[in-house]
Protein backbone atom coordinates (compact mmCIF):
# COMPACT_ATOMS: atom_id res chain seq x y z
CA MET A 1 0.18 0.16 -0.04
CA CYS A 2 1.23 3.21 -0.90
CA LYS A 3 1.98 5.80 1.93
CA TYR A 4 1.39 9.76 1.51
CA THR A 5 2.73 12.45 3.11
CA VAL A 6 -0.04 14.97 3.87
CA LEU A 7 0.45 18.76 3.01
CA VAL A 8 -2.20 21.00 4.06
CA GLU A 9 -1.38 24.48 3.69
CA ASP A 10 -3.62 27.53 2.75
CA ASP A 11 -1.02 29.63 0.72
CA VAL A 12 -0.82 28.90 -3.26
CA VAL A 13 2.99 29.66 -2.93
CA THR A 14 3.94 28.40 -0.19
CA MET A 15 2.09 24.72 -1.16
CA LYS A 16 3.66 25.05 -4.53
CA LEU A 17 7.23 25.65 -2.81
CA LEU A 18 6.72 23.10 -0.45
CA GLU A 19 5.46 20.26 -2.98
CA ARG A 20 7.98 20.85 -5.88
CA ARG A 21 10.77 20.40 -2.68
CA LEU A 22 9.15 17.32 -1.42
CA THR A 23 8.23 15.73 -4.66
CA LYS A 24 11.82 15.92 -5.44
CA GLU A 25 13.06 14.82 -2.35
CA GLY A 26 10.69 11.34 -3.48
CA PHE A 27 7.72 11.71 -0.87
CA LYS A 28 4.15 10.66 -2.36
CA LEU A 29 2.30 14.11 -1.50
CA MET A 30 -1.62 14.51 -1.03
CA THR A 31 -1.82 18.35 -0.61
CA PHE A 32 -4.90 20.02 0.54
CA LEU A 33 -5.55 23.99 0.36
CA ASP A 34 -8.73 23.34 2.24
CA PRO A 35 -8.02 21.60 6.10
CA VAL A 36 -11.56 20.17 5.83
CA LYS A 37 -10.99 18.41 2.88
CA ALA A 38 -7.90 17.44 4.11
CA LYS A 39 -9.91 15.77 6.96
CA GLU A 40 -12.36 14.05 4.82
CA TRP A 41 -9.53 12.45 3.06
CA ILE A 42 -7.63 11.49 6.27
CA ASP A 43 -10.58 10.05 7.94
CA PHE A 44 -11.64 7.62 4.75
CA ASN A 45 -7.69 7.26 4.24
CA SER A 46 -5.75 7.28 7.59
CA LYS A 47 -3.83 4.26 7.26
CA GLN A 48 -2.28 5.48 3.80
CA VAL A 49 -1.03 8.30 5.78
CA LEU A 50 2.80 8.57 6.15
CA VAL A 51 3.24 11.83 7.62
CA LEU A 52 1.04 15.26 8.19
CA ILE A 53 2.18 18.37 7.95
CA THR A 54 -0.01 21.22 8.12
CA ASP A 55 -0.28 24.94 8.86
CA ILE A 56 -1.78 26.60 11.60
CA LYS A 57 -3.08 29.63 10.34
CA MET A 58 -5.80 28.68 8.12
CA PRO A 59 -9.41 29.26 7.38
CA LYS A 60 -12.62 27.36 8.03
CA LEU A 61 -10.42 24.96 10.24
CA ASN A 62 -7.29 26.17 11.68
CA GLY A 63 -4.23 23.79 12.30
CA MET A 64 -4.83 22.93 16.06
CA ALA A 65 -8.30 21.84 15.27
CA LEU A 66 -7.08 20.11 12.65
CA LEU A 67 -4.61 18.28 14.81
CA ALA A 68 -7.22 17.93 17.53
CA ALA A 69 -9.85 16.02 14.66
CA LEU A 70 -7.01 13.63 13.87
CA LYS A 71 -5.75 12.96 17.55
CA GLU A 72 -7.05 9.67 17.34
CA TYR A 73 -4.57 8.36 14.37
CA LYS A 74 -1.43 7.55 15.02
CA PHE A 75 0.69 8.60 12.20
CA PRO A 76 2.99 11.57 12.94
CA LYS A 77 1.94 15.24 12.91
CA MET A 78 4.28 18.23 11.73
CA VAL A 79 3.51 21.96 11.99
CA LEU A 80 5.04 24.71 9.74
CA SER A 81 3.75 28.25 10.96
CA ALA A 82 4.99 31.65 10.53
CA TYR A 83 3.48 32.42 14.15
CA GLY A 84 6.00 30.25 16.45
CA ASN A 85 5.31 27.82 18.90
CA ILE A 86 4.73 30.36 21.63
CA ALA A 87 1.27 31.17 20.46
CA PHE A 88 0.16 27.62 20.81
CA LYS A 89 -1.49 26.64 24.48
CA GLY A 90 0.18 24.18 26.87
CA HIS A 91 -2.04 21.25 25.50
CA GLU A 92 -1.78 21.76 21.87
CA PHE A 93 1.43 20.50 22.47
CA GLU A 94 0.27 16.83 22.90
CA LEU A 95 -1.54 17.05 19.40
CA TYR A 96 1.64 17.19 17.20
CA ASP A 97 5.40 15.38 17.08
CA SER A 98 7.60 17.93 15.14
CA PHE A 99 7.53 22.13 14.66
CA LEU A 100 9.00 23.78 12.05
CA GLN A 101 8.60 27.83 11.82
CA LYS A 102 8.28 29.47 8.35
CA PRO A 103 9.20 30.52 6.26
CA LEU A 104 11.89 27.89 5.20
CA VAL A 105 14.26 30.11 3.37
CA ASN A 106 17.68 28.70 3.91
CA THR A 107 19.46 25.56 3.47
CA ASP A 108 19.97 24.74 6.94
CA GLN A 109 16.46 24.90 7.46
CA TRP A 110 15.01 23.06 4.67
CA ARG A 111 17.89 20.19 5.75
CA PHE A 112 15.99 20.18 9.37
CA PHE A 113 12.72 20.25 7.98
CA MET A 114 13.74 16.98 5.88
CA ASN A 115 15.38 15.19 8.56
CA ASN A 116 12.47 15.79 10.59
CA ILE A 117 10.29 14.38 8.23
CA LEU A 118 12.21 11.47 7.56
CA GLU A 119 12.54 10.89 11.11
CA LEU A 120 8.73 11.01 11.65
CA SER A 121 8.03 9.12 9.02
CA HIS A 122 10.29 6.11 9.60
CA GLY A 123 9.04 6.12 13.33
CA SER A 124 5.22 6.03 12.03
CA LYS A 125 2.76 3.48 13.13
CA GLY A 126 0.47 4.03 10.93
CA GLY A 127 -3.13 5.01 10.87
């Protein structure tokens, strides 16, 4: 069964950048600009999720609400945000496995980002 890195990002430019880089690194992606559609897809395909990567500030359903709704699933979850993790309340840290601040502008940030995804995906327990 094919496993996907699920990317949820409402900014089209950021989405295209991440999509291009992750595809180049060999990841099979499912991408969503709409977190509600991402949740619906995951609910039906949770066993196919390798890692979830989500933005926080999004319309309709923010990233923390998305993570809370997907809490029952055991796949690794990564948060990307321009706001920093200081914006999160204490209990929200339980909802994700890794945090990285955007923008990812230099080589060291990308290397750290990719290492996090690889580390999380190798420890993935599936849905």
